Amino acid sequence: MNRANNMRMRREENTIEAMVRIYCRDHHGPVHEYLCKECSDMLDYAMLRLSKCPYQEGKTTCAKCPTHCYRKDMLKRVVEVMRYAGPRMSYEHPIYALFHFIDGARKKPIRKARRASKAKH
C-alpha cells in the first residue's frame, strides 16, 4: 500500500473513532478520556472490519458500499452512532466531516479479483 492509500485508511480510522467518541460521551457520560466497554468493543469491531475491507483505498462510505461486512447487530449499533455523530462532526471535526462527504461522492468501488481463487489451470 502506498503512502497516500495508507493515509486514506488512517483517516477512515480516525473518522470512525471520532464518531464513536462523540456518541459515547453524549450517551454514556464522560469516563475520563476513555470509551465505555460497549463503545470500545464496537470501535474495535469497526477497526477490524475496516482493516479487512476489500476496497481499501478505493472505498466509498460504508453506507454506499456494495459489500456489507458488518454483522447485523453491529451494523444496527454503528448506524445509530453515525446518525447521531454525523451531524456533530461538522462542528467537532470539520476536516474529517469534509473528507467523509467527499468520500461519499465516490462511485461504488469495484472489488479486485483474488489471485488464488481466480487462477485458472
PDB file of N, CA and C in Angstrom:
ATOM      1  N   MET A   1       0.858  -1.172   0.000  1.00  0.00           N
ATOM      2  CA  MET A   1       0.000   0.000   0.000  1.00  0.00           C
ATOM      3  C   MET A   1       0.897   1.226   0.000  1.00  0.00           C
ATOM      4  N   ASN A   2       0.650   2.159  -0.902  1.00  0.00           N
ATOM      5  CA  ASN A   2       1.495   3.348  -0.934  1.00  0.00           C
ATOM      6  C   ASN A   2       1.086   4.337   0.144  1.00  0.00           C
ATOM      7  N   ARG A   3       1.891   5.383   0.301  1.00  0.00           N
ATOM      8  CA  ARG A   3       1.702   6.350   1.384  1.00  0.00           C
ATOM      9  C   ARG A   3       0.325   7.019   1.341  1.00  0.00           C
ATOM     10  N   ALA A   4      -0.130   7.434   0.154  1.00  0.00           N
ATOM     11  CA  ALA A   4      -1.431   8.102   0.028  1.00  0.00           C
ATOM     12  C   ALA A   4      -2.570   7.171   0.461  1.00  0.00           C
ATOM     13  N   ASN A   5      -2.482   5.915   0.046  1.00  0.00           N
ATOM     14  CA  ASN A   5      -3.526   4.953   0.417  1.00  0.00           C
ATOM     15  C   ASN A   5      -3.515   4.683   1.918  1.00  0.00           C
ATOM     16  N   ASN A   6      -2.323   4.584   2.484  1.00  0.00           N
ATOM     17  CA  ASN A   6      -2.198   4.374   3.916  1.00  0.00           C
ATOM     18  C   ASN A   6      -2.800   5.561   4.663  1.00  0.00           C
ATOM     19  N   MET A   7      -2.566   6.764   4.183  1.00  0.00           N
ATOM     20  CA  MET A   7      -3.133   7.961   4.802  1.00  0.00           C
ATOM     21  C   MET A   7      -4.656   7.942   4.687  1.00  0.00           C
ATOM     22  N   ARG A   8      -5.171   7.476   3.572  1.00  0.00           N
ATOM     23  CA  ARG A   8      -6.615   7.403   3.348  1.00  0.00           C
ATOM     24  C   ARG A   8      -7.269   6.476   4.371  1.00  0.00           C
ATOM     25  N   MET A   9      -6.692   5.314   4.581  1.00  0.00           N
ATOM     26  CA  MET A   9      -7.261   4.358   5.523  1.00  0.00           C
ATOM     27  C   MET A   9      -7.090   4.842   6.964  1.00  0.00           C
ATOM     28  N   ARG A  10      -6.001   5.517   7.257  1.00  0.00           N
ATOM     29  CA  ARG A  10      -5.806   6.077   8.603  1.00  0.00           C
ATOM     30  C   ARG A  10      -6.867   7.149   8.883  1.00  0.00           C
ATOM     31  N   ARG A  11      -7.185   7.937   7.862  1.00  0.00           N
ATOM     32  CA  ARG A  11      -8.226   8.950   8.016  1.00  0.00           C
ATOM     33  C   ARG A  11      -9.580   8.290   8.289  1.00  0.00           C
ATOM     34  N   GLU A  12      -9.855   7.179   7.622  1.00  0.00           N
ATOM     35  CA  GLU A  12     -11.088   6.432   7.877  1.00  0.00           C
ATOM     36  C   GLU A  12     -11.142   5.963   9.330  1.00  0.00           C
ATOM     37  N   GLU A  13     -10.026   5.448   9.814  1.00  0.00           N
ATOM     38  CA  GLU A  13      -9.956   5.001  11.204  1.00  0.00           C
ATOM     39  C   GLU A  13     -10.208   6.165  12.157  1.00  0.00           C
ATOM     40  N   ASN A  14      -9.577   7.295  11.896  1.00  0.00           N
ATOM     41  CA  ASN A  14      -9.741   8.471  12.747  1.00  0.00           C
ATOM     42  C   ASN A  14     -11.184   8.972  12.734  1.00  0.00           C
ATOM     43  N   THR A  15     -11.821   8.911  11.589  1.00  0.00           N
ATOM     44  CA  THR A  15     -13.200   9.387  11.466  1.00  0.00           C
ATOM     45  C   THR A  15     -14.152   8.525  12.289  1.00  0.00           C
ATOM     46  N   ILE A  16     -14.057   7.211  12.156  1.00  0.00           N
ATOM     47  CA  ILE A  16     -14.959   6.346  12.919  1.00  0.00           C
ATOM     48  C   ILE A  16     -14.678   6.462  14.410  1.00  0.00           C
ATOM     49  N   GLU A  17     -13.419   6.605  14.776  1.00  0.00           N
ATOM     50  CA  GLU A  17     -13.092   6.771  16.201  1.00  0.00           C
ATOM     51  C   GLU A  17     -13.695   8.068  16.749  1.00  0.00           C
ATOM     52  N   ALA A  18     -13.588   9.152  15.992  1.00  0.00           N
ATOM     53  CA  ALA A  18     -14.158  10.432  16.428  1.00  0.00           C
ATOM     54  C   ALA A  18     -15.669  10.314  16.588  1.00  0.00           C
ATOM     55  N   MET A  19     -16.330   9.626  15.672  1.00  0.00           N
ATOM     56  CA  MET A  19     -17.782   9.467  15.755  1.00  0.00           C
ATOM     57  C   MET A  19     -18.187   8.651  16.984  1.00  0.00           C
ATOM     58  N   VAL A  20     -17.462   7.588  17.256  1.00  0.00           N
ATOM     59  CA  VAL A  20     -17.770   6.757  18.417  1.00  0.00           C
ATOM     60  C   VAL A  20     -17.523   7.550  19.704  1.00  0.00           C
ATOM     61  N   ARG A  21     -16.464   8.338  19.745  1.00  0.00           N
ATOM     62  CA  ARG A  21     -16.172   9.146  20.934  1.00  0.00           C
ATOM     63  C   ARG A  21     -17.286  10.174  21.198  1.00  0.00           C
ATOM     64  N   ILE A  22     -17.764  10.822  20.155  1.00  0.00           N
ATOM     65  CA  ILE A  22     -18.854  11.793  20.305  1.00  0.00           C
ATOM     66  C   ILE A  22     -20.089  11.096  20.860  1.00  0.00           C
ATOM     67  N   TYR A  23     -20.441   9.969  20.260  1.00  0.00           N
ATOM     68  CA  TYR A  23     -21.629   9.227  20.684  1.00  0.00           C
ATOM     69  C   TYR A  23     -21.488   8.776  22.137  1.00  0.00           C
ATOM     70  N   CYS A  24     -20.364   8.177  22.476  1.00  0.00           N
ATOM     71  CA  CYS A  24     -20.155   7.642  23.816  1.00  0.00           C
ATOM     72  C   CYS A  24     -20.201   8.764  24.856  1.00  0.00           C
ATOM     73  N   ARG A  25     -19.522   9.844  24.586  1.00  0.00           N
ATOM     74  CA  ARG A  25     -19.504  10.977  25.515  1.00  0.00           C
ATOM     75  C   ARG A  25     -20.913  11.486  25.794  1.00  0.00           C
ATOM     76  N   ASP A  26     -21.722  11.617  24.742  1.00  0.00           N
ATOM     77  CA  ASP A  26     -23.046  12.204  24.886  1.00  0.00           C
ATOM     78  C   ASP A  26     -24.106  11.223  25.403  1.00  0.00           C
ATOM     79  N   HIS A  27     -23.879   9.919  25.218  1.00  0.00           N
ATOM     80  CA  HIS A  27     -24.869   8.930  25.640  1.00  0.00           C
ATOM     81  C   HIS A  27     -24.486   8.164  26.907  1.00  0.00           C
ATOM     82  N   HIS A  28     -23.213   8.006  27.131  1.00  0.00           N
ATOM     83  CA  HIS A  28     -22.769   7.195  28.263  1.00  0.00           C
ATOM     84  C   HIS A  28     -21.996   8.008  29.293  1.00  0.00           C
ATOM     85  N   GLY A  29     -21.902   9.289  29.077  1.00  0.00           N
ATOM     86  CA  GLY A  29     -21.230  10.179  30.019  1.00  0.00           C
ATOM     87  C   GLY A  29     -19.725  10.147  29.862  1.00  0.00           C
ATOM     88  N   PRO A  30     -19.096  11.239  30.250  1.00  0.00           N
ATOM     89  CA  PRO A  30     -17.634  11.285  30.145  1.00  0.00           C
ATOM     90  C   PRO A  30     -16.989  10.348  31.164  1.00  0.00           C
ATOM     91  N   VAL A  31     -16.230   9.410  30.685  1.00  0.00           N
ATOM     92  CA  VAL A  31     -15.497   8.485  31.543  1.00  0.00           C
ATOM     93  C   VAL A  31     -14.020   8.784  31.305  1.00  0.00           C
ATOM     94  N   HIS A  32     -13.590   9.868  31.882  1.00  0.00           N
ATOM     95  CA  HIS A  32     -12.239  10.375  31.663  1.00  0.00           C
ATOM     96  C   HIS A  32     -12.060  10.589  30.163  1.00  0.00           C
ATOM     97  N   GLU A  33     -10.999  10.074  29.598  1.00  0.00           N
ATOM     98  CA  GLU A  33     -10.804  10.211  28.156  1.00  0.00           C
ATOM     99  C   GLU A  33     -11.041   8.889  27.437  1.00  0.00           C
ATOM    100  N   TYR A  34     -11.563   7.902  28.151  1.00  0.00           N
ATOM    101  CA  TYR A  34     -11.752   6.573  27.593  1.00  0.00           C
ATOM    102  C   TYR A  34     -13.198   6.338  27.171  1.00  0.00           C
ATOM    103  N   LEU A  35     -13.367   5.349  26.325  1.00  0.00           N
ATOM    104  CA  LEU A  35     -14.704   4.922  25.913  1.00  0.00           C
ATOM    105  C   LEU A  35     -15.237   3.911  26.923  1.00  0.00           C
ATOM    106  N   CYS A  36     -16.562   3.813  27.013  1.00  0.00           N
ATOM    107  CA  CYS A  36     -17.157   2.760  27.821  1.00  0.00           C
ATOM    108  C   CYS A  36     -16.872   1.416  27.136  1.00  0.00           C
ATOM    109  N   LYS A  37     -17.100   0.335  27.843  1.00  0.00           N
ATOM    110  CA  LYS A  37     -16.814  -1.008  27.316  1.00  0.00           C
ATOM    111  C   LYS A  37     -17.605  -1.285  26.035  1.00  0.00           C
ATOM    112  N   GLU A  38     -18.874  -0.938  26.019  1.00  0.00           N
ATOM    113  CA  GLU A  38     -19.729  -1.190  24.854  1.00  0.00           C
ATOM    114  C   GLU A  38     -19.198  -0.456  23.614  1.00  0.00           C
ATOM    115  N   CYS A  39     -18.870   0.810  23.786  1.00  0.00           N
ATOM    116  CA  CYS A  39     -18.377   1.602  22.649  1.00  0.00           C
ATOM    117  C   CYS A  39     -16.964   1.192  22.246  1.00  0.00           C
ATOM    118  N   SER A  40     -16.160   0.809  23.218  1.00  0.00           N
ATOM    119  CA  SER A  40     -14.815   0.330  22.917  1.00  0.00           C
ATOM    120  C   SER A  40     -14.866  -0.943  22.084  1.00  0.00           C
ATOM    121  N   ASP A  41     -15.756  -1.857  22.458  1.00  0.00           N
ATOM    122  CA  ASP A  41     -15.921  -3.103  21.696  1.00  0.00           C
ATOM    123  C   ASP A  41     -16.414  -2.818  20.280  1.00  0.00           C
ATOM    124  N   MET A  42     -17.352  -1.885  20.159  1.00  0.00           N
ATOM    125  CA  MET A  42     -17.875  -1.532  18.837  1.00  0.00           C
ATOM    126  C   MET A  42     -16.772  -0.914  17.980  1.00  0.00           C
ATOM    127  N   LEU A  43     -15.958  -0.040  18.564  1.00  0.00           N
ATOM    128  CA  LEU A  43     -14.864   0.582  17.816  1.00  0.00           C
ATOM    129  C   LEU A  43     -13.843  -0.462  17.380  1.00  0.00           C
ATOM    130  N   ASP A  44     -13.506  -1.390  18.262  1.00  0.00           N
ATOM    131  CA  ASP A  44     -12.576  -2.462  17.896  1.00  0.00           C
ATOM    132  C   ASP A  44     -13.113  -3.266  16.718  1.00  0.00           C
ATOM    133  N   TYR A  45     -14.398  -3.575  16.753  1.00  0.00           N
ATOM    134  CA  TYR A  45     -15.022  -4.327  15.666  1.00  0.00           C
ATOM    135  C   TYR A  45     -14.977  -3.523  14.363  1.00  0.00           C
ATOM    136  N   ALA A  46     -15.300  -2.243  14.436  1.00  0.00           N
ATOM    137  CA  ALA A  46     -15.289  -1.396  13.240  1.00  0.00           C
ATOM    138  C   ALA A  46     -13.878  -1.314  12.652  1.00  0.00           C
ATOM    139  N   MET A  47     -12.871  -1.213  13.504  1.00  0.00           N
ATOM    140  CA  MET A  47     -11.482  -1.146  13.030  1.00  0.00           C
ATOM    141  C   MET A  47     -11.076  -2.449  12.355  1.00  0.00           C
ATOM    142  N   LEU A  48     -11.520  -3.561  12.922  1.00  0.00           N
ATOM    143  CA  LEU A  48     -11.222  -4.866  12.320  1.00  0.00           C
ATOM    144  C   LEU A  48     -11.856  -4.967  10.936  1.00  0.00           C
ATOM    145  N   ARG A  49     -13.123  -4.588  10.831  1.00  0.00           N
ATOM    146  CA  ARG A  49     -13.811  -4.654   9.541  1.00  0.00           C
ATOM    147  C   ARG A  49     -13.154  -3.708   8.528  1.00  0.00           C
ATOM    148  N   LEU A  50     -12.757  -2.536   8.979  1.00  0.00           N
ATOM    149  CA  LEU A  50     -12.093  -1.586   8.084  1.00  0.00           C
ATOM    150  C   LEU A  50     -10.770  -2.151   7.579  1.00  0.00           C
ATOM    151  N   SER A  51     -10.032  -2.804   8.446  1.00  0.00           N
ATOM    152  CA  SER A  51      -8.746  -3.380   8.039  1.00  0.00           C
ATOM    153  C   SER A  51      -8.921  -4.498   7.023  1.00  0.00           C
ATOM    154  N   LYS A  52     -10.092  -5.141   7.021  1.00  0.00           N
ATOM    155  CA  LYS A  52     -10.355  -6.242   6.097  1.00  0.00           C
ATOM    156  C   LYS A  52     -11.180  -5.819   4.880  1.00  0.00           C
ATOM    157  N   CYS A  53     -11.422  -4.529   4.745  1.00  0.00           N
ATOM    158  CA  CYS A  53     -12.216  -4.033   3.621  1.00  0.00           C
ATOM    159  C   CYS A  53     -11.553  -4.430   2.300  1.00  0.00           C
ATOM    160  N   PRO A  54     -12.292  -5.068   1.400  1.00  0.00           N
ATOM    161  CA  PRO A  54     -11.695  -5.490   0.129  1.00  0.00           C
ATOM    162  C   PRO A  54     -11.397  -4.321  -0.817  1.00  0.00           C
ATOM    163  N   TYR A  55     -11.911  -3.137  -0.516  1.00  0.00           N
ATOM    164  CA  TYR A  55     -11.744  -1.996  -1.413  1.00  0.00           C
ATOM    165  C   TYR A  55     -10.625  -1.063  -0.990  1.00  0.00           C
ATOM    166  N   GLN A  56     -10.289  -1.054   0.291  1.00  0.00           N
ATOM    167  CA  GLN A  56      -9.228  -0.235   0.865  1.00  0.00           C
ATOM    168  C   GLN A  56      -9.221   1.184   0.305  1.00  0.00           C
ATOM    169  N   GLU A  57      -8.162   1.555  -0.427  1.00  0.00           N
ATOM    170  CA  GLU A  57      -8.021   2.940  -0.899  1.00  0.00           C
ATOM    171  C   GLU A  57      -9.133   3.376  -1.840  1.00  0.00           C
ATOM    172  N   GLY A  58      -9.839   2.451  -2.452  1.00  0.00           N
ATOM    173  CA  GLY A  58     -10.907   2.788  -3.387  1.00  0.00           C
ATOM    174  C   GLY A  58     -12.279   2.823  -2.749  1.00  0.00           C
ATOM    175  N   LYS A  59     -12.336   2.656  -1.437  1.00  0.00           N
ATOM    176  CA  LYS A  59     -13.641   2.541  -0.779  1.00  0.00           C
ATOM    177  C   LYS A  59     -14.396   3.856  -0.749  1.00  0.00           C
ATOM    178  N   THR A  60     -15.683   3.726  -0.775  1.00  0.00           N
ATOM    179  CA  THR A  60     -16.588   4.844  -0.581  1.00  0.00           C
ATOM    180  C   THR A  60     -16.998   4.808   0.892  1.00  0.00           C
ATOM    181  N   THR A  61     -18.036   5.498   1.263  1.00  0.00           N
ATOM    182  CA  THR A  61     -18.527   5.364   2.632  1.00  0.00           C
ATOM    183  C   THR A  61     -19.204   4.006   2.764  1.00  0.00           C
ATOM    184  N   CYS A  62     -19.257   3.496   3.977  1.00  0.00           N
ATOM    185  CA  CYS A  62     -19.852   2.172   4.198  1.00  0.00           C
ATOM    186  C   CYS A  62     -21.315   2.119   3.761  1.00  0.00           C
ATOM    187  N   ALA A  63     -22.026   3.219   3.914  1.00  0.00           N
ATOM    188  CA  ALA A  63     -23.440   3.256   3.530  1.00  0.00           C
ATOM    189  C   ALA A  63     -23.639   3.019   2.036  1.00  0.00           C
ATOM    190  N   LYS A  64     -22.665   3.384   1.221  1.00  0.00           N
ATOM    191  CA  LYS A  64     -22.776   3.203  -0.232  1.00  0.00           C
ATOM    192  C   LYS A  64     -22.021   1.978  -0.739  1.00  0.00           C
ATOM    193  N   CYS A  65     -21.436   1.238   0.157  1.00  0.00           N
ATOM    194  CA  CYS A  65     -20.610   0.098  -0.236  1.00  0.00           C
ATOM    195  C   CYS A  65     -21.471  -1.064  -0.737  1.00  0.00           C
ATOM    196  N   PRO A  66     -21.065  -1.727  -1.818  1.00  0.00           N
ATOM    197  CA  PRO A  66     -21.826  -2.867  -2.324  1.00  0.00           C
ATOM    198  C   PRO A  66     -21.648  -4.130  -1.467  1.00  0.00           C
ATOM    199  N   THR A  67     -20.637  -4.152  -0.597  1.00  0.00           N
ATOM    200  CA  THR A  67     -20.383  -5.297   0.271  1.00  0.00           C
ATOM    201  C   THR A  67     -20.652  -4.894   1.711  1.00  0.00           C
ATOM    202  N   HIS A  68     -21.624  -5.547   2.334  1.00  0.00           N
ATOM    203  CA  HIS A  68     -21.924  -5.235   3.728  1.00  0.00           C
ATOM    204  C   HIS A  68     -21.212  -6.251   4.615  1.00  0.00           C
ATOM    205  N   CYS A  69     -20.205  -5.781   5.323  1.00  0.00           N
ATOM    206  CA  CYS A  69     -19.350  -6.705   6.063  1.00  0.00           C
ATOM    207  C   CYS A  69     -19.598  -6.709   7.571  1.00  0.00           C
ATOM    208  N   TYR A  70     -20.536  -5.902   8.049  1.00  0.00           N
ATOM    209  CA  TYR A  70     -20.847  -5.875   9.476  1.00  0.00           C
ATOM    210  C   TYR A  70     -21.916  -6.919   9.799  1.00  0.00           C
ATOM    211  N   ARG A  71     -21.784  -7.549  10.972  1.00  0.00           N
ATOM    212  CA  ARG A  71     -22.867  -8.412  11.464  1.00  0.00           C
ATOM    213  C   ARG A  71     -24.083  -7.525  11.690  1.00  0.00           C
ATOM    214  N   LYS A  72     -25.260  -8.100  11.603  1.00  0.00           N
ATOM    215  CA  LYS A  72     -26.492  -7.302  11.718  1.00  0.00           C
ATOM    216  C   LYS A  72     -26.575  -6.538  13.032  1.00  0.00           C
ATOM    217  N   ASP A  73     -26.200  -7.170  14.130  1.00  0.00           N
ATOM    218  CA  ASP A  73     -26.280  -6.490  15.423  1.00  0.00           C
ATOM    219  C   ASP A  73     -25.311  -5.306  15.486  1.00  0.00           C
ATOM    220  N   MET A  74     -24.119  -5.489  14.953  1.00  0.00           N
ATOM    221  CA  MET A  74     -23.134  -4.405  14.963  1.00  0.00           C
ATOM    222  C   MET A  74     -23.508  -3.320  13.951  1.00  0.00           C
ATOM    223  N   LEU A  75     -24.069  -3.705  12.835  1.00  0.00           N
ATOM    224  CA  LEU A  75     -24.494  -2.726  11.837  1.00  0.00           C
ATOM    225  C   LEU A  75     -25.528  -1.779  12.439  1.00  0.00           C
ATOM    226  N   LYS A  76     -26.469  -2.345  13.169  1.00  0.00           N
ATOM    227  CA  LYS A  76     -27.504  -1.529  13.808  1.00  0.00           C
ATOM    228  C   LYS A  76     -26.878  -0.518  14.765  1.00  0.00           C
ATOM    229  N   ARG A  77     -25.902  -0.949  15.549  1.00  0.00           N
ATOM    230  CA  ARG A  77     -25.244  -0.054  16.501  1.00  0.00           C
ATOM    231  C   ARG A  77     -24.426   1.023  15.799  1.00  0.00           C
ATOM    232  N   VAL A  78     -23.700   0.633  14.759  1.00  0.00           N
ATOM    233  CA  VAL A  78     -22.861   1.600  14.041  1.00  0.00           C
ATOM    234  C   VAL A  78     -23.725   2.632  13.320  1.00  0.00           C
ATOM    235  N   VAL A  79     -24.836   2.200  12.747  1.00  0.00           N
ATOM    236  CA  VAL A  79     -25.754   3.135  12.090  1.00  0.00           C
ATOM    237  C   VAL A  79     -26.283   4.145  13.104  1.00  0.00           C
ATOM    238  N   GLU A  80     -26.627   3.670  14.290  1.00  0.00           N
ATOM    239  CA  GLU A  80     -27.110   4.567  15.345  1.00  0.00           C
ATOM    240  C   GLU A  80     -26.045   5.601  15.708  1.00  0.00           C
ATOM    241  N   VAL A  81     -24.812   5.159  15.851  1.00  0.00           N
ATOM    242  CA  VAL A  81     -23.699   6.065  16.176  1.00  0.00           C
ATOM    243  C   VAL A  81     -23.503   7.093  15.067  1.00  0.00           C
ATOM    244  N   MET A  82     -23.497   6.632  13.827  1.00  0.00           N
ATOM    245  CA  MET A  82     -23.252   7.539  12.705  1.00  0.00           C
ATOM    246  C   MET A  82     -24.390   8.543  12.522  1.00  0.00           C
ATOM    247  N   ARG A  83     -25.596   8.111  12.726  1.00  0.00           N
ATOM    248  CA  ARG A  83     -26.732   9.045  12.616  1.00  0.00           C
ATOM    249  C   ARG A  83     -26.660  10.131  13.678  1.00  0.00           C
ATOM    250  N   TYR A  84     -26.199   9.759  14.853  1.00  0.00           N
ATOM    251  CA  TYR A  84     -26.086  10.746  15.921  1.00  0.00           C
ATOM    252  C   TYR A  84     -24.849  11.641  15.723  1.00  0.00           C
ATOM    253  N   ALA A  85     -23.706  11.016  15.505  1.00  0.00           N
ATOM    254  CA  ALA A  85     -22.444  11.761  15.471  1.00  0.00           C
ATOM    255  C   ALA A  85     -22.206  12.482  14.152  1.00  0.00           C
ATOM    256  N   GLY A  86     -22.755  11.971  13.064  1.00  0.00           N
ATOM    257  CA  GLY A  86     -22.511  12.573  11.753  1.00  0.00           C
ATOM    258  C   GLY A  86     -22.754  14.069  11.701  1.00  0.00           C
ATOM    259  N   PRO A  87     -23.942  14.534  12.096  1.00  0.00           N
ATOM    260  CA  PRO A  87     -24.195  15.981  12.059  1.00  0.00           C
ATOM    261  C   PRO A  87     -23.290  16.772  13.000  1.00  0.00           C
ATOM    262  N   ARG A  88     -22.826  16.168  14.068  1.00  0.00           N
ATOM    263  CA  ARG A  88     -21.973  16.856  15.032  1.00  0.00           C
ATOM    264  C   ARG A  88     -20.514  16.918  14.579  1.00  0.00           C
ATOM    265  N   MET A  89     -20.162  16.085  13.624  1.00  0.00           N
ATOM    266  CA  MET A  89     -18.784  16.069  13.121  1.00  0.00           C
ATOM    267  C   MET A  89     -18.408  17.409  12.490  1.00  0.00           C
ATOM    268  N   SER A  90     -19.355  18.083  11.877  1.00  0.00           N
ATOM    269  CA  SER A  90     -19.060  19.373  11.225  1.00  0.00           C
ATOM    270  C   SER A  90     -18.517  20.393  12.211  1.00  0.00           C
ATOM    271  N   TYR A  91     -18.959  20.296  13.455  1.00  0.00           N
ATOM    272  CA  TYR A  91     -18.517  21.249  14.479  1.00  0.00           C
ATOM    273  C   TYR A  91     -17.276  20.775  15.219  1.00  0.00           C
ATOM    274  N   GLU A  92     -17.217  19.489  15.506  1.00  0.00           N
ATOM    275  CA  GLU A  92     -16.135  18.972  16.327  1.00  0.00           C
ATOM    276  C   GLU A  92     -14.916  18.520  15.522  1.00  0.00           C
ATOM    277  N   HIS A  93     -15.146  18.033  14.317  1.00  0.00           N
ATOM    278  CA  HIS A  93     -14.053  17.546  13.460  1.00  0.00           C
ATOM    279  C   HIS A  93     -14.361  17.915  12.009  1.00  0.00           C
ATOM    280  N   PRO A  94     -14.307  19.210  11.674  1.00  0.00           N
ATOM    281  CA  PRO A  94     -14.736  19.645  10.337  1.00  0.00           C
ATOM    282  C   PRO A  94     -13.916  19.050   9.184  1.00  0.00           C
ATOM    283  N   ILE A  95     -12.650  18.802   9.385  1.00  0.00           N
ATOM    284  CA  ILE A  95     -11.829  18.230   8.309  1.00  0.00           C
ATOM    285  C   ILE A  95     -12.264  16.796   8.023  1.00  0.00           C
ATOM    286  N   TYR A  96     -12.459  15.993   9.067  1.00  0.00           N
ATOM    287  CA  TYR A  96     -12.938  14.620   8.866  1.00  0.00           C
ATOM    288  C   TYR A  96     -14.310  14.629   8.215  1.00  0.00           C
ATOM    289  N   ALA A  97     -15.164  15.552   8.644  1.00  0.00           N
ATOM    290  CA  ALA A  97     -16.509  15.648   8.065  1.00  0.00           C
ATOM    291  C   ALA A  97     -16.437  15.975   6.577  1.00  0.00           C
ATOM    292  N   LEU A  98     -15.572  16.890   6.212  1.00  0.00           N
ATOM    293  CA  LEU A  98     -15.404  17.269   4.804  1.00  0.00           C
ATOM    294  C   LEU A  98     -14.924  16.084   3.969  1.00  0.00           C
ATOM    295  N   PHE A  99     -13.906  15.386   4.449  1.00  0.00           N
ATOM    296  CA  PHE A  99     -13.397  14.239   3.703  1.00  0.00           C
ATOM    297  C   PHE A  99     -14.438  13.117   3.634  1.00  0.00           C
ATOM    298  N   HIS A 100     -15.220  12.932   4.691  1.00  0.00           N
ATOM    299  CA  HIS A 100     -16.264  11.905   4.670  1.00  0.00           C
ATOM    300  C   HIS A 100     -17.318  12.247   3.611  1.00  0.00           C
ATOM    301  N   PHE A 101     -17.646  13.516   3.500  1.00  0.00           N
ATOM    302  CA  PHE A 101     -18.585  13.977   2.472  1.00  0.00           C
ATOM    303  C   PHE A 101     -18.012  13.714   1.075  1.00  0.00           C
ATOM    304  N   ILE A 102     -16.748  14.041   0.886  1.00  0.00           N
ATOM    305  CA  ILE A 102     -16.081  13.811  -0.413  1.00  0.00           C
ATOM    306  C   ILE A 102     -16.037  12.319  -0.726  1.00  0.00           C
ATOM    307  N   ASP A 103     -15.683  11.502   0.262  1.00  0.00           N
ATOM    308  CA  ASP A 103     -15.627  10.049   0.049  1.00  0.00           C
ATOM    309  C   ASP A 103     -16.997   9.491  -0.315  1.00  0.00           C
ATOM    310  N   GLY A 104     -18.047  10.083   0.232  1.00  0.00           N
ATOM    311  CA  GLY A 104     -19.402   9.643  -0.083  1.00  0.00           C
ATOM    312  C   GLY A 104     -19.807   9.928  -1.517  1.00  0.00           C
ATOM    313  N   ALA A 105     -19.116  10.868  -2.146  1.00  0.00           N
ATOM    314  CA  ALA A 105     -19.416  11.208  -3.532  1.00  0.00           C
ATOM    315  C   ALA A 105     -18.709  10.270  -4.515  1.00  0.00           C
ATOM    316  N   ARG A 106     -17.839   9.424  -4.004  1.00  0.00           N
ATOM    317  CA  ARG A 106     -17.130   8.484  -4.884  1.00  0.00           C
ATOM    318  C   ARG A 106     -18.109   7.489  -5.488  1.00  0.00           C
ATOM    319  N   LYS A 107     -17.743   6.966  -6.641  1.00  0.00           N
ATOM    320  CA  LYS A 107     -18.539   5.904  -7.262  1.00  0.00           C
ATOM    321  C   LYS A 107     -18.334   4.623  -6.472  1.00  0.00           C
ATOM    322  N   LYS A 108     -19.285   3.707  -6.613  1.00  0.00           N
ATOM    323  CA  LYS A 108     -19.131   2.417  -5.952  1.00  0.00           C
ATOM    324  C   LYS A 108     -17.858   1.757  -6.456  1.00  0.00           C
ATOM    325  N   PRO A 109     -17.071   1.208  -5.544  1.00  0.00           N
ATOM    326  CA  PRO A 109     -15.803   0.597  -5.949  1.00  0.00           C
ATOM    327  C   PRO A 109     -16.014  -0.758  -6.612  1.00  0.00           C
ATOM    328  N   ILE A 110     -15.012  -1.165  -7.341  1.00  0.00           N
ATOM    329  CA  ILE A 110     -15.008  -2.483  -7.967  1.00  0.00           C
ATOM    330  C   ILE A 110     -14.038  -3.342  -7.182  1.00  0.00           C
ATOM    331  N   ARG A 111     -14.521  -4.479  -6.745  1.00  0.00           N
ATOM    332  CA  ARG A 111     -13.671  -5.373  -5.951  1.00  0.00           C
ATOM    333  C   ARG A 111     -12.594  -5.965  -6.840  1.00  0.00           C
ATOM    334  N   LYS A 112     -11.386  -5.945  -6.311  1.00  0.00           N
ATOM    335  CA  LYS A 112     -10.272  -6.545  -7.028  1.00  0.00           C
ATOM    336  C   LYS A 112     -10.379  -8.059  -6.951  1.00  0.00           C
ATOM    337  N   ALA A 113     -10.069  -8.746  -8.037  1.00  0.00           N
ATOM    338  CA  ALA A 113     -10.130 -10.214  -8.067  1.00  0.00           C
ATOM    339  C   ALA A 113      -9.067 -10.780  -7.157  1.00  0.00           C
ATOM    340  N   ARG A 114      -9.412 -11.850  -6.469  1.00  0.00           N
ATOM    341  CA  ARG A 114      -8.437 -12.526  -5.625  1.00  0.00           C
ATOM    342  C   ARG A 114      -7.563 -13.387  -6.513  1.00  0.00           C
ATOM    343  N   ARG A 115      -6.287 -13.328  -6.265  1.00  0.00           N
ATOM    344  CA  ARG A 115      -5.328 -14.048  -7.107  1.00  0.00           C
ATOM    345  C   ARG A 115      -5.505 -15.568  -7.016  1.00  0.00           C
ATOM    346  N   ALA A 116      -5.544 -16.104  -5.831  1.00  0.00           N
ATOM    347  CA  ALA A 116      -5.584 -17.567  -5.674  1.00  0.00           C
ATOM    348  C   ALA A 116      -6.887 -18.170  -6.183  1.00  0.00           C
ATOM    349  N   SER A 117      -8.010 -17.537  -5.864  1.00  0.00           N
ATOM    350  CA  SER A 117      -9.307 -18.110  -6.244  1.00  0.00           C
ATOM    351  C   SER A 117      -9.641 -17.924  -7.715  1.00  0.00           C
ATOM    352  N   LYS A 118      -9.012 -16.962  -8.355  1.00  0.00           N
ATOM    353  CA  LYS A 118      -9.323 -16.680  -9.765  1.00  0.00           C
ATOM    354  C   LYS A 118      -8.334 -17.343 -10.730  1.00  0.00           C
ATOM    355  N   ALA A 119      -7.326 -17.987 -10.192  1.00  0.00           N
ATOM    356  CA  ALA A 119      -6.316 -18.602 -11.064  1.00  0.00           C
ATOM    357  C   ALA A 119      -6.938 -19.764 -11.827  1.00  0.00           C
ATOM    358  N   LYS A 120      -6.669 -19.818 -13.125  1.00  0.00           N
ATOM    359  CA  LYS A 120      -7.183 -20.903 -13.974  1.00  0.00           C
ATOM    360  C   LYS A 120      -6.028 -21.805 -14.379  1.00  0.00           C
ATOM    361  N   HIS A 121      -6.321 -23.058 -14.497  1.00  0.00           N
ATOM    362  CA  HIS A 121      -5.289 -24.016 -14.898  1.00  0.00           C
ATOM    363  C   HIS A 121      -5.401 -24.352 -16.340  1.00  0.00           C
TER     364      HIS A 121
END
